[in-house]
Amino acid sequence: MVSTPALTALVSLVGLAGVLTGRVREGRTAVTLKKIVMPPLGMATGFCMFFYPPCRVPFLWGLAAFLIGALIFALPLLLTSDLHLHNGEIRMKRSSAFFAVIIVLAVVRWAARGYFDSFLSLEQTGAIFYLLAFGMILRWRLKLLLAYRALTSGHAIPAAQTPEQAPAGK
């Protein structure tokens, strides 16, 4: 495979723009079970890359990448997003730091990729970062799934009041 730093940077920026656009759209519509579950299921098809021998990495490297994604890189997403009830619909609620977190995570991954490219093939680097991203997204979506189930079970803590719902004089 042929890759140049400029091409890698361009593809990374296009991917980042796509992620940010998707997150803006997601915040404007009601969250459904399908919208929570489908991204990790769709992303799971990426495991087929490991049938192609040049993409294979040692098992412990892959496990470490997955765990780093799930335990470290997922934390900012877990802390800056949640579900809440809004006008009878379940919506994504993000802090103002959510987009900054997404951009910082992209920069960290892009910078680390330069380091890994020095001793791994392009395919192996892609596989490592796929496992890192899958661990991150899987944990984040599992948290959202649990929050969704709590909100739809009827036993959920009521959502915070919006300014329009707050009693007058407060």
C-alpha atoms as a PDB file:
ATOM      1  CA  MET A   1       0.000   0.000   0.000  1.00  0.00           C
ATOM      2  CA  VAL A   2       1.120   3.505  -0.748  1.00  0.00           C
ATOM      3  CA  SER A   3       0.494   6.236   1.792  1.00  0.00           C
ATOM      4  CA  THR A   4       1.885   9.705   2.151  1.00  0.00           C
ATOM      5  CA  PRO A   5       1.657  11.920   5.222  1.00  0.00           C
ATOM      6  CA  ALA A   6      -0.417  14.427   3.251  1.00  0.00           C
ATOM      7  CA  LEU A   7      -2.875  11.763   2.103  1.00  0.00           C
ATOM      8  CA  THR A   8      -3.141  10.353   5.630  1.00  0.00           C
ATOM      9  CA  ALA A   9      -3.774  13.834   7.048  1.00  0.00           C
ATOM     10  CA  LEU A  10      -6.414  14.562   4.399  1.00  0.00           C
ATOM     11  CA  VAL A  11      -8.265  11.283   4.988  1.00  0.00           C
ATOM     12  CA  SER A  12      -8.079  11.857   8.755  1.00  0.00           C
ATOM     13  CA  LEU A  13      -9.567  15.346   8.411  1.00  0.00           C
ATOM     14  CA  VAL A  14     -12.378  14.075   6.187  1.00  0.00           C
ATOM     15  CA  GLY A  15     -13.111  11.325   8.731  1.00  0.00           C
ATOM     16  CA  LEU A  16     -13.085  13.835  11.601  1.00  0.00           C
ATOM     17  CA  ALA A  17     -15.473  16.119   9.709  1.00  0.00           C
ATOM     18  CA  GLY A  18     -17.781  13.155   9.108  1.00  0.00           C
ATOM     19  CA  VAL A  19     -17.759  12.204  12.798  1.00  0.00           C
ATOM     20  CA  LEU A  20     -18.465  15.767  13.928  1.00  0.00           C
ATOM     21  CA  THR A  21     -21.274  16.150  11.386  1.00  0.00           C
ATOM     22  CA  GLY A  22     -22.814  12.873  12.494  1.00  0.00           C
ATOM     23  CA  ARG A  23     -22.697  13.926  16.148  1.00  0.00           C
ATOM     24  CA  VAL A  24     -24.425  17.236  15.384  1.00  0.00           C
ATOM     25  CA  ARG A  25     -27.196  15.383  13.536  1.00  0.00           C
ATOM     26  CA  GLU A  26     -27.499  12.801  16.297  1.00  0.00           C
ATOM     27  CA  GLY A  27     -28.124  15.541  18.851  1.00  0.00           C
ATOM     28  CA  ARG A  28     -31.071  16.886  16.875  1.00  0.00           C
ATOM     29  CA  THR A  29     -33.089  13.686  16.709  1.00  0.00           C
ATOM     30  CA  ALA A  30     -34.511  11.241  19.206  1.00  0.00           C
ATOM     31  CA  VAL A  31     -32.261   8.384  20.227  1.00  0.00           C
ATOM     32  CA  THR A  32     -33.557   4.888  19.542  1.00  0.00           C
ATOM     33  CA  LEU A  33     -32.251   1.479  20.474  1.00  0.00           C
ATOM     34  CA  LYS A  34     -31.310   0.925  16.830  1.00  0.00           C
ATOM     35  CA  LYS A  35     -29.276   4.162  16.727  1.00  0.00           C
ATOM     36  CA  ILE A  36     -27.301   3.034  19.771  1.00  0.00           C
ATOM     37  CA  VAL A  37     -26.671  -0.571  18.739  1.00  0.00           C
ATOM     38  CA  MET A  38     -26.082  -0.311  14.986  1.00  0.00           C
ATOM     39  CA  PRO A  39     -22.765   1.628  14.932  1.00  0.00           C
ATOM     40  CA  PRO A  40     -20.784  -0.982  16.901  1.00  0.00           C
ATOM     41  CA  LEU A  41     -22.497  -3.822  15.008  1.00  0.00           C
ATOM     42  CA  GLY A  42     -21.658  -2.199  11.692  1.00  0.00           C
ATOM     43  CA  MET A  43     -18.135  -1.498  12.842  1.00  0.00           C
ATOM     44  CA  ALA A  44     -17.703  -5.122  13.948  1.00  0.00           C
ATOM     45  CA  THR A  45     -17.568  -6.151  10.287  1.00  0.00           C
ATOM     46  CA  GLY A  46     -14.085  -4.606  10.326  1.00  0.00           C
ATOM     47  CA  PHE A  47     -12.839  -7.707  12.127  1.00  0.00           C
ATOM     48  CA  CYS A  48     -12.850  -9.344   8.694  1.00  0.00           C
ATOM     49  CA  MET A  49      -9.622  -7.442   8.002  1.00  0.00           C
ATOM     50  CA  PHE A  50      -7.831 -10.004  10.142  1.00  0.00           C
ATOM     51  CA  PHE A  51      -8.495 -12.670   7.498  1.00  0.00           C
ATOM     52  CA  TYR A  52      -6.012 -10.727   5.349  1.00  0.00           C
ATOM     53  CA  PRO A  53      -2.551 -11.780   6.652  1.00  0.00           C
ATOM     54  CA  PRO A  54      -0.819  -8.367   6.316  1.00  0.00           C
ATOM     55  CA  CYS A  55      -3.344  -6.893   8.810  1.00  0.00           C
ATOM     56  CA  ARG A  56      -2.629  -9.411  11.532  1.00  0.00           C
ATOM     57  CA  VAL A  57      -0.953  -8.271  14.740  1.00  0.00           C
ATOM     58  CA  PRO A  58       0.123 -10.294  17.783  1.00  0.00           C
ATOM     59  CA  PHE A  59      -2.882 -11.156  19.964  1.00  0.00           C
ATOM     60  CA  LEU A  60      -1.545  -9.312  23.023  1.00  0.00           C
ATOM     61  CA  TRP A  61      -0.962  -6.145  20.971  1.00  0.00           C
ATOM     62  CA  GLY A  62      -4.538  -6.291  19.726  1.00  0.00           C
ATOM     63  CA  LEU A  63      -5.896  -6.953  23.202  1.00  0.00           C
ATOM     64  CA  ALA A  64      -3.845  -4.057  24.594  1.00  0.00           C
ATOM     65  CA  ALA A  65      -5.148  -1.701  21.869  1.00  0.00           C
ATOM     66  CA  PHE A  66      -8.747  -2.754  22.563  1.00  0.00           C
ATOM     67  CA  LEU A  67      -8.339  -2.282  26.329  1.00  0.00           C
ATOM     68  CA  ILE A  68      -6.601   1.095  25.950  1.00  0.00           C
ATOM     69  CA  GLY A  69      -9.521   2.230  23.792  1.00  0.00           C
ATOM     70  CA  ALA A  70     -12.126   0.890  26.212  1.00  0.00           C
ATOM     71  CA  LEU A  71     -10.484   1.973  29.456  1.00  0.00           C
ATOM     72  CA  ILE A  72      -8.668   5.212  28.577  1.00  0.00           C
ATOM     73  CA  PHE A  73      -9.875   6.736  25.308  1.00  0.00           C
ATOM     74  CA  ALA A  74     -13.548   6.034  26.078  1.00  0.00           C
ATOM     75  CA  LEU A  75     -13.442   8.024  29.326  1.00  0.00           C
ATOM     76  CA  PRO A  76     -13.767  11.482  27.767  1.00  0.00           C
ATOM     77  CA  LEU A  77     -16.751  10.287  25.710  1.00  0.00           C
ATOM     78  CA  LEU A  78     -18.358   8.730  28.764  1.00  0.00           C
ATOM     79  CA  LEU A  79     -17.918  11.930  30.764  1.00  0.00           C
ATOM     80  CA  THR A  80     -19.171  14.317  28.082  1.00  0.00           C
ATOM     81  CA  SER A  81     -22.291  12.584  26.790  1.00  0.00           C
ATOM     82  CA  ASP A  82     -25.445  11.144  28.281  1.00  0.00           C
ATOM     83  CA  LEU A  83     -29.094  10.568  27.483  1.00  0.00           C
ATOM     84  CA  HIS A  84     -31.987  12.554  28.899  1.00  0.00           C
ATOM     85  CA  LEU A  85     -35.708  12.962  28.410  1.00  0.00           C
ATOM     86  CA  HIS A  86     -36.754  16.004  26.403  1.00  0.00           C
ATOM     87  CA  ASN A  87     -40.422  16.561  25.510  1.00  0.00           C
ATOM     88  CA  GLY A  88     -41.150  12.859  25.861  1.00  0.00           C
ATOM     89  CA  GLU A  89     -38.227  11.813  23.662  1.00  0.00           C
ATOM     90  CA  ILE A  90     -34.852  10.418  24.630  1.00  0.00           C
ATOM     91  CA  ARG A  91     -32.122  12.714  23.357  1.00  0.00           C
ATOM     92  CA  MET A  92     -28.353  12.822  23.491  1.00  0.00           C
ATOM     93  CA  LYS A  93     -27.114  15.393  25.968  1.00  0.00           C
ATOM     94  CA  ARG A  94     -23.551  16.562  25.555  1.00  0.00           C
ATOM     95  CA  SER A  95     -21.398  18.927  27.459  1.00  0.00           C
ATOM     96  CA  SER A  96     -19.842  21.813  25.583  1.00  0.00           C
ATOM     97  CA  ALA A  97     -16.533  19.932  25.788  1.00  0.00           C
ATOM     98  CA  PHE A  98     -17.778  16.986  23.680  1.00  0.00           C
ATOM     99  CA  PHE A  99     -16.529  18.303  20.333  1.00  0.00           C
ATOM    100  CA  ALA A 100     -13.211  19.381  21.844  1.00  0.00           C
ATOM    101  CA  VAL A 101     -12.802  15.849  23.216  1.00  0.00           C
ATOM    102  CA  ILE A 102     -13.488  14.337  19.770  1.00  0.00           C
ATOM    103  CA  ILE A 103     -10.919  16.658  18.153  1.00  0.00           C
ATOM    104  CA  VAL A 104      -8.263  15.989  20.831  1.00  0.00           C
ATOM    105  CA  LEU A 105      -8.791  12.220  20.514  1.00  0.00           C
ATOM    106  CA  ALA A 106      -8.364  12.491  16.734  1.00  0.00           C
ATOM    107  CA  VAL A 107      -5.140  14.493  17.120  1.00  0.00           C
ATOM    108  CA  VAL A 108      -3.731  12.026  19.665  1.00  0.00           C
ATOM    109  CA  ARG A 109      -4.550   9.077  17.418  1.00  0.00           C
ATOM    110  CA  TRP A 110      -3.066  10.834  14.377  1.00  0.00           C
ATOM    111  CA  ALA A 111       0.143  11.701  16.244  1.00  0.00           C
ATOM    112  CA  ALA A 112       0.485   8.183  17.664  1.00  0.00           C
ATOM    113  CA  ARG A 113      -0.026   6.738  14.205  1.00  0.00           C
ATOM    114  CA  GLY A 114       3.197   8.424  13.066  1.00  0.00           C
ATOM    115  CA  TYR A 115       5.041   6.632  15.845  1.00  0.00           C
ATOM    116  CA  PHE A 116       3.537   3.220  15.085  1.00  0.00           C
ATOM    117  CA  ASP A 117       4.201   3.604  11.357  1.00  0.00           C
ATOM    118  CA  SER A 118       7.920   3.533  12.167  1.00  0.00           C
ATOM    119  CA  PHE A 119       7.840  -0.172  13.130  1.00  0.00           C
ATOM    120  CA  LEU A 120       4.505  -1.548  11.869  1.00  0.00           C
ATOM    121  CA  SER A 121       3.203  -1.878   8.333  1.00  0.00           C
ATOM    122  CA  LEU A 122       0.408   0.421   7.209  1.00  0.00           C
ATOM    123  CA  GLU A 123      -2.040  -2.487   7.437  1.00  0.00           C
ATOM    124  CA  GLN A 124      -0.956  -3.423  10.971  1.00  0.00           C
ATOM    125  CA  THR A 125      -1.163   0.197  12.106  1.00  0.00           C
ATOM    126  CA  GLY A 126      -4.696   0.354  10.717  1.00  0.00           C
ATOM    127  CA  ALA A 127      -5.585  -2.864  12.546  1.00  0.00           C
ATOM    128  CA  ILE A 128      -4.225  -1.567  15.866  1.00  0.00           C
ATOM    129  CA  PHE A 129      -6.154   1.691  15.573  1.00  0.00           C
ATOM    130  CA  TYR A 130      -9.291  -0.142  14.485  1.00  0.00           C
ATOM    131  CA  LEU A 131      -9.132  -2.218  17.689  1.00  0.00           C
ATOM    132  CA  LEU A 132      -8.492   0.921  19.766  1.00  0.00           C
ATOM    133  CA  ALA A 133     -11.467   2.713  18.196  1.00  0.00           C
ATOM    134  CA  PHE A 134     -13.698  -0.360  18.510  1.00  0.00           C
ATOM    135  CA  GLY A 135     -12.923  -0.654  22.227  1.00  0.00           C
ATOM    136  CA  MET A 136     -13.652   3.046  22.708  1.00  0.00           C
ATOM    137  CA  ILE A 137     -16.929   3.025  20.794  1.00  0.00           C
ATOM    138  CA  LEU A 138     -18.134  -0.280  22.217  1.00  0.00           C
ATOM    139  CA  ARG A 139     -17.762   0.917  25.819  1.00  0.00           C
ATOM    140  CA  TRP A 140     -19.354   4.290  25.046  1.00  0.00           C
ATOM    141  CA  ARG A 141     -22.317   2.692  23.284  1.00  0.00           C
ATOM    142  CA  LEU A 142     -22.774   0.165  26.101  1.00  0.00           C
ATOM    143  CA  LYS A 143     -23.066   3.070  28.539  1.00  0.00           C
ATOM    144  CA  LEU A 144     -25.635   4.712  26.273  1.00  0.00           C
ATOM    145  CA  LEU A 145     -27.532   1.419  25.978  1.00  0.00           C
ATOM    146  CA  LEU A 146     -27.724   1.093  29.768  1.00  0.00           C
ATOM    147  CA  ALA A 147     -28.887   4.717  30.077  1.00  0.00           C
ATOM    148  CA  TYR A 148     -31.486   4.141  27.347  1.00  0.00           C
ATOM    149  CA  ARG A 149     -32.812   1.030  29.075  1.00  0.00           C
ATOM    150  CA  ALA A 150     -33.002   2.911  32.384  1.00  0.00           C
ATOM    151  CA  LEU A 151     -34.969   5.735  30.761  1.00  0.00           C
ATOM    152  CA  THR A 152     -37.347   3.387  28.953  1.00  0.00           C
ATOM    153  CA  SER A 153     -37.914   1.052  31.902  1.00  0.00           C
ATOM    154  CA  GLY A 154     -39.917   3.643  33.814  1.00  0.00           C
ATOM    155  CA  HIS A 155     -37.577   3.390  36.810  1.00  0.00           C
ATOM    156  CA  ALA A 156     -35.276   6.121  35.610  1.00  0.00           C
ATOM    157  CA  ILE A 157     -34.382   9.230  37.528  1.00  0.00           C
ATOM    158  CA  PRO A 158     -36.300  12.120  35.964  1.00  0.00           C
ATOM    159  CA  ALA A 159     -34.330  14.230  33.536  1.00  0.00           C
ATOM    160  CA  ALA A 160     -33.065  17.598  34.709  1.00  0.00           C
ATOM    161  CA  GLN A 161     -35.549  20.371  34.189  1.00  0.00           C
ATOM    162  CA  THR A 162     -35.024  22.661  31.262  1.00  0.00           C
ATOM    163  CA  PRO A 163     -35.299  26.417  31.885  1.00  0.00           C
ATOM    164  CA  GLU A 164     -38.804  26.350  30.392  1.00  0.00           C
ATOM    165  CA  GLN A 165     -39.909  23.669  32.887  1.00  0.00           C
ATOM    166  CA  ALA A 166     -38.429  25.321  35.988  1.00  0.00           C
ATOM    167  CA  PRO A 167     -40.939  26.927  38.346  1.00  0.00           C
ATOM    168  CA  ALA A 168     -41.244  30.689  38.089  1.00  0.00           C
ATOM    169  CA  GLY A 169     -39.130  32.681  40.518  1.00  0.00           C
ATOM    170  CA  LYS A 170     -36.183  30.278  40.580  1.00  0.00           C
END
